[in-house]
Protein backbone atom coordinates (compact mmCIF):
# COMPACT_ATOMS: atom_id res chain seq x y z
CA MET A 1 123.31 132.43 87.27
CA ASP A 2 121.47 134.70 84.87
CA ARG A 3 121.41 138.34 86.04
CA HIS A 4 117.73 138.47 85.05
CA THR A 5 116.96 135.27 87.04
CA PRO A 6 118.61 135.48 90.47
CA THR A 7 117.90 131.81 91.29
CA ALA A 8 120.70 129.38 90.45
CA GLU A 9 119.18 126.15 89.12
CA ASN A 10 120.30 122.77 90.43
CA PRO A 11 121.66 120.28 87.86
CA TRP A 12 119.52 117.57 89.48
CA LEU A 13 116.33 119.43 88.53
CA ALA A 14 115.07 116.64 86.25
CA LEU A 15 115.01 114.22 89.22
CA ARG A 16 112.25 116.23 90.86
CA ASN A 17 109.83 114.65 88.39
CA LEU A 18 110.52 111.26 90.01
CA THR A 19 110.00 112.04 93.70
CA PRO A 20 108.04 114.32 96.02
CA ALA A 21 111.21 114.73 98.10
CA ARG A 22 112.58 118.26 98.36
CA ILE A 23 115.65 117.96 96.14
CA ALA A 24 117.17 120.23 93.50
CA LEU A 25 115.45 123.32 94.87
CA GLY A 26 118.08 125.71 93.53
CA ARG A 27 119.49 128.62 95.51
CA THR A 28 119.63 132.37 95.67
CA GLY A 29 123.09 133.20 96.91
CA ILE A 30 123.51 130.86 99.86
CA SER A 31 119.77 130.69 100.62
CA LEU A 32 116.73 128.79 99.37
CA PRO A 33 114.65 130.51 96.71
CA THR A 34 111.58 132.26 98.08
CA GLY A 35 109.23 129.87 96.30
CA ALA A 36 110.86 126.81 97.85
CA GLN A 37 110.78 128.38 101.30
CA LEU A 38 107.10 129.25 100.97
CA ASP A 39 106.29 125.73 99.76
CA PHE A 40 108.06 124.31 102.82
CA GLN A 41 106.12 126.56 105.18
CA TYR A 42 102.85 125.63 103.46
CA ALA A 43 103.59 121.90 103.79
CA HIS A 44 104.50 122.38 107.45
CA ALA A 45 101.21 124.20 108.06
CA GLN A 46 99.30 121.38 106.34
CA ALA A 47 100.98 118.82 108.61
CA ARG A 48 100.15 120.79 111.75
CA ASP A 49 96.54 121.29 110.64
CA ALA A 50 96.20 117.55 110.00
CA VAL A 51 97.36 116.74 113.55
CA HIS A 52 94.83 119.11 115.13
CA LEU A 53 91.90 118.52 112.77
CA ALA A 54 88.84 117.25 114.64
CA PHE A 55 87.64 113.73 113.86
CA ASP A 56 84.38 113.99 111.89
CA HIS A 57 83.05 110.70 113.25
CA GLN A 58 79.44 111.66 112.63
CA GLY A 59 80.11 112.20 108.94
CA LEU A 60 81.97 108.90 108.70
CA ARG A 61 79.21 107.03 110.52
CA GLN A 62 76.66 108.46 108.11
CA GLN A 63 78.73 107.36 105.13
CA LEU A 64 79.01 103.86 106.61
CA SER A 65 75.28 103.79 107.27
CA ASP A 66 74.60 104.79 103.66
CA ARG A 67 76.54 101.69 102.64
CA GLY A 68 74.46 99.54 104.99
CA ARG A 69 77.33 99.20 107.50
CA GLU A 70 76.77 99.47 111.25
CA SER A 71 79.25 101.33 113.44
CA LEU A 72 80.01 101.88 117.11
CA LEU A 73 81.47 105.17 118.38
CA LEU A 74 83.89 104.81 121.29
CA HIS A 75 86.45 107.01 123.03
CA SER A 76 89.91 106.31 124.34
CA ALA A 77 91.00 107.15 127.88
CA ALA A 78 92.43 110.46 126.58
CA SER A 79 89.83 113.11 127.39
CA ASP A 80 90.78 115.59 124.65
CA ARG A 81 93.32 116.29 121.90
CA HIS A 82 95.71 118.10 124.22
CA GLN A 83 95.90 115.13 126.59
CA TYR A 84 96.04 112.70 123.68
CA LEU A 85 99.18 114.35 122.29
CA GLN A 86 100.90 114.51 125.69
CA ARG A 87 99.86 111.07 126.99
CA PRO A 88 100.23 108.38 124.30
CA ASP A 89 99.46 105.70 126.90
CA LEU A 90 95.91 106.99 127.37
CA GLY A 91 95.23 106.74 123.64
CA ARG A 92 96.08 103.03 123.78
CA ARG A 93 93.22 102.12 126.12
CA LEU A 94 89.47 102.61 125.97
CA HIS A 95 87.53 104.82 128.35
CA GLU A 96 85.71 102.57 130.83
CA GLU A 97 82.27 103.53 129.49
CA SER A 98 83.37 102.58 125.96
CA ALA A 99 84.83 99.29 127.19
CA GLN A 100 81.52 98.49 128.89
CA ARG A 101 79.62 99.19 125.65
CA LEU A 102 81.77 96.63 123.86
CA ARG A 103 81.23 94.06 126.62
CA GLU A 104 77.47 94.51 126.28
CA HIS A 105 77.69 94.21 122.49
CA ALA A 106 79.73 91.01 122.81
CA GLN A 107 77.22 89.53 125.28
CA ALA A 108 74.37 90.28 122.87
CA ASN A 109 76.33 88.69 120.02
CA PRO A 110 78.09 85.63 121.48
CA GLY A 111 80.29 83.35 119.45
CA GLY A 112 83.04 85.73 118.43
CA ILE A 113 83.99 87.02 114.99
CA ASP A 114 86.82 86.64 112.53
CA LEU A 115 87.75 90.31 112.19
CA ALA A 116 87.23 93.54 114.11
CA ILE A 117 87.73 96.67 112.00
CA VAL A 118 88.78 99.66 114.08
CA VAL A 119 89.09 103.22 112.77
CA ALA A 120 90.85 105.92 114.81
CA ASP A 121 91.82 109.49 114.06
CA GLY A 122 95.43 108.99 115.17
CA LEU A 123 97.67 111.85 114.14
CA SER A 124 95.77 112.72 110.95
CA ALA A 125 91.98 112.71 110.94
CA LEU A 126 92.32 114.06 107.40
CA ALA A 127 93.68 110.68 106.25
CA VAL A 128 90.77 108.87 107.87
CA HIS A 129 88.20 111.20 106.30
CA ARG A 130 89.66 110.80 102.81
CA HIS A 131 90.62 107.14 102.62
CA THR A 132 88.58 105.01 105.03
CA LEU A 133 85.50 104.54 102.85
CA PRO A 134 87.36 103.97 99.53
CA PHE A 135 89.64 101.42 101.18
CA LEU A 136 86.84 99.59 103.00
CA SER A 137 84.85 99.39 99.77
CA ARG A 138 87.69 97.46 98.15
CA PHE A 139 88.64 95.41 101.20
CA GLU A 140 85.23 94.32 102.44
CA GLU A 141 84.15 93.20 98.99
CA GLN A 142 87.06 90.77 98.87
CA ALA A 143 86.76 89.81 102.56
CA ALA A 144 83.10 88.91 102.06
CA ALA A 145 84.05 86.65 99.15
CA ASP A 146 86.44 84.83 101.51
CA GLY A 147 83.66 84.41 104.09
CA TRP A 148 85.18 86.44 106.91
CA THR A 149 82.74 87.55 109.62
CA SER A 150 83.05 90.97 111.25
CA ALA A 151 81.45 93.18 113.88
CA PRO A 152 80.19 96.72 113.29
CA VAL A 153 83.03 99.09 112.37
CA VAL A 154 84.41 100.52 115.62
CA LEU A 155 85.30 104.22 115.56
CA VAL A 156 87.58 105.43 118.35
CA GLU A 157 88.12 109.11 119.10
CA GLN A 158 91.65 110.03 120.25
CA GLY A 159 92.82 106.49 119.59
CA ARG A 160 96.28 105.04 119.02
CA VAL A 161 97.21 101.77 117.36
CA ALA A 162 97.20 99.55 120.46
CA VAL A 163 93.60 100.43 121.36
CA ALA A 164 92.57 97.92 118.67
CA ASP A 165 93.97 95.13 120.88
CA GLU A 166 91.47 95.93 123.62
CA VAL A 167 88.64 96.21 121.09
CA GLY A 168 89.51 92.84 119.59
CA GLN A 169 89.82 91.17 122.97
CA LEU A 170 86.45 92.47 124.19
CA LEU A 171 84.72 91.44 120.94
CA ASN A 172 86.39 88.01 121.01
CA ALA A 173 87.81 88.61 117.53
CA ARG A 174 90.39 86.34 115.95
CA MET A 175 91.99 89.32 114.20
CA THR A 176 91.89 93.10 114.21
CA VAL A 177 92.82 95.68 111.64
CA MET A 178 93.29 99.28 112.70
CA LEU A 179 92.83 102.07 110.14
CA ILE A 180 94.54 105.14 111.54
CA GLY A 181 95.90 108.48 110.40
CA GLU A 182 99.68 108.35 110.32
CA ARG A 183 101.99 111.08 111.55
CA PRO A 184 101.95 113.71 108.77
CA GLY A 185 105.07 114.27 106.72
CA LEU A 186 106.00 117.37 104.75
CA SER A 187 104.66 115.79 101.57
CA SER A 188 101.95 113.51 102.98
CA PRO A 189 99.53 115.03 105.52
CA ASP A 190 96.85 112.45 104.66
CA SER A 191 98.59 109.06 104.85
CA LEU A 192 96.47 106.18 106.18
CA GLY A 193 98.11 103.31 108.03
CA LEU A 194 96.76 99.76 108.48
CA TYR A 195 97.85 97.70 111.49
CA PHE A 196 96.94 94.00 111.53
CA THR A 197 97.04 91.78 114.63
CA TYR A 198 96.23 88.11 115.10
CA ALA A 199 94.82 86.99 118.49
CA PRO A 200 94.62 90.55 119.86
CA LYS A 201 94.81 91.18 123.59
CA VAL A 202 95.80 94.04 125.86
CA GLY A 203 99.55 94.31 126.41
CA LEU A 204 100.84 93.21 123.00
CA THR A 205 103.81 95.12 121.62
CA ASP A 206 104.32 96.35 118.06
CA ALA A 207 106.29 93.16 117.37
CA TYR A 208 102.95 91.33 117.17
CA ARG A 209 101.53 93.66 114.49
CA ASN A 210 101.97 93.98 110.73
CA CYS A 211 101.88 97.44 109.22
CA ILE A 212 100.77 98.49 105.74
CA SER A 213 101.52 102.20 105.44
CA ASN A 214 101.07 105.16 103.11
CA VAL A 215 97.63 104.18 101.83
CA ARG A 216 96.53 107.17 99.75
CA LEU A 217 96.13 108.22 96.13
CA GLU A 218 99.78 109.28 95.81
CA GLY A 219 101.06 106.24 97.69
CA LEU A 220 99.84 102.64 98.02
CA SER A 221 96.56 102.11 96.17
CA TYR A 222 93.42 100.91 97.95
CA GLY A 223 93.35 97.75 95.87
CA MET A 224 96.97 96.86 96.62
CA ALA A 225 96.54 97.61 100.32
CA ALA A 226 93.46 95.34 100.43
CA HIS A 227 95.36 92.61 98.55
CA ARG A 228 98.23 92.69 101.06
CA LEU A 229 95.95 92.77 104.08
CA LEU A 230 93.95 89.76 102.88
CA TYR A 231 97.19 87.88 102.29
CA LEU A 232 98.26 88.60 105.89
CA MET A 233 94.87 87.48 107.21
CA ARG A 234 94.98 84.18 105.33
CA GLU A 235 98.55 83.43 106.35
CA ALA A 236 97.92 84.47 109.97
CA CYS A 237 95.07 81.97 110.23
CA LYS A 238 97.29 79.21 108.82
CA ARG A 239 100.28 79.99 111.05
CA LYS A 240 98.40 81.30 114.12
CA LEU A 241 100.57 84.39 114.41
CA SER A 242 101.22 87.91 113.14
CA GLY A 243 103.96 90.51 113.45
CA VAL A 244 107.66 90.05 112.86
CA ASN A 245 107.26 86.32 112.22
CA LEU A 246 104.74 86.91 109.45
CA LYS A 247 106.29 88.40 106.32
CA ASP A 248 104.40 90.10 103.52
CA GLU A 249 105.12 87.76 100.60
CA ALA A 250 101.96 88.63 98.70
CA GLU A 251 102.37 88.10 94.96
CA VAL A 252 102.06 91.35 93.06
CA HIS A 253 100.71 90.93 89.52
CA SER A 254 102.22 93.38 87.09
CA ILE A 255 103.27 93.66 83.47
CA GLU A 256 106.85 92.89 84.46
CA ASN A 257 106.08 89.57 86.17
CA GLU A 258 103.23 88.30 84.00
CA GLY A 259 105.76 86.53 81.82
CA SER A 260 107.84 85.21 84.70
CA GLY A 261 105.90 81.99 85.04
CA GLY A 262 103.94 83.14 88.08
CA LYS A 263 106.96 83.77 90.27
CA ASN A 264 106.54 85.80 93.43
CA GLY A 265 106.25 89.49 92.59
CA ASN A 266 108.00 90.76 95.72
CA PHE A 267 111.41 91.82 94.39
CA LEU A 268 112.85 91.94 97.93
CA LEU A 269 112.51 88.19 98.27
CA GLY A 270 114.43 87.21 95.14
CA ASP A 271 114.29 83.81 93.46
CA ARG A 272 113.94 80.87 95.77
């Protein structure tokens, strides 16, 4: 420790360039340096703010409208944010008035659809505000090329993942995908999660869903997330299932595997 610099550096300092994790922070005596402590408090404040940030559904609906996309605004059975955080079960079901709106929409548009897209604030409305439109722009372009039909985008205030099952069931949708703000971490207050379900209905457990997480600029790209979701949709329609029995084996094209003869790019699967 230099007497002019009271902070003792950590020998792992170079590894901090490879990860957002809080490693190699150094020390002052037996304590964290002031800068590291302040950074931690700032990240914690960002996470708390993300949880309590109000869902700007009007702004999102306007952005969807500008792209020529219809939307429906619904509300879960949780009356406000306070109740939503204390009663997860209420966030998993629609308010009766919202459920009735979907029934009326389904009656006016009989025949069912391939996919219901549901957007909910979840535990980070910030993630929804930042990433919903960029992701949908990539995803819907490819989905349209595949010929998938969909209903207006359904926005749900105070919604949790399972509320998409009720939406899909009421709309008679073959599949649902939920875009929802994930629980903020100390380095990711704006992480968007995608939850895909085949044959949605009320009462399904998480075992029937596939999750694609950490969709954001510093995490999984919009293009890659769309690629993986479309793979799951195609495979789900072939196998008539989703969840734990449907694995993400989407081929990832990269410089490393371009010369591998077209082998599967998922390194977790290995050669088969």
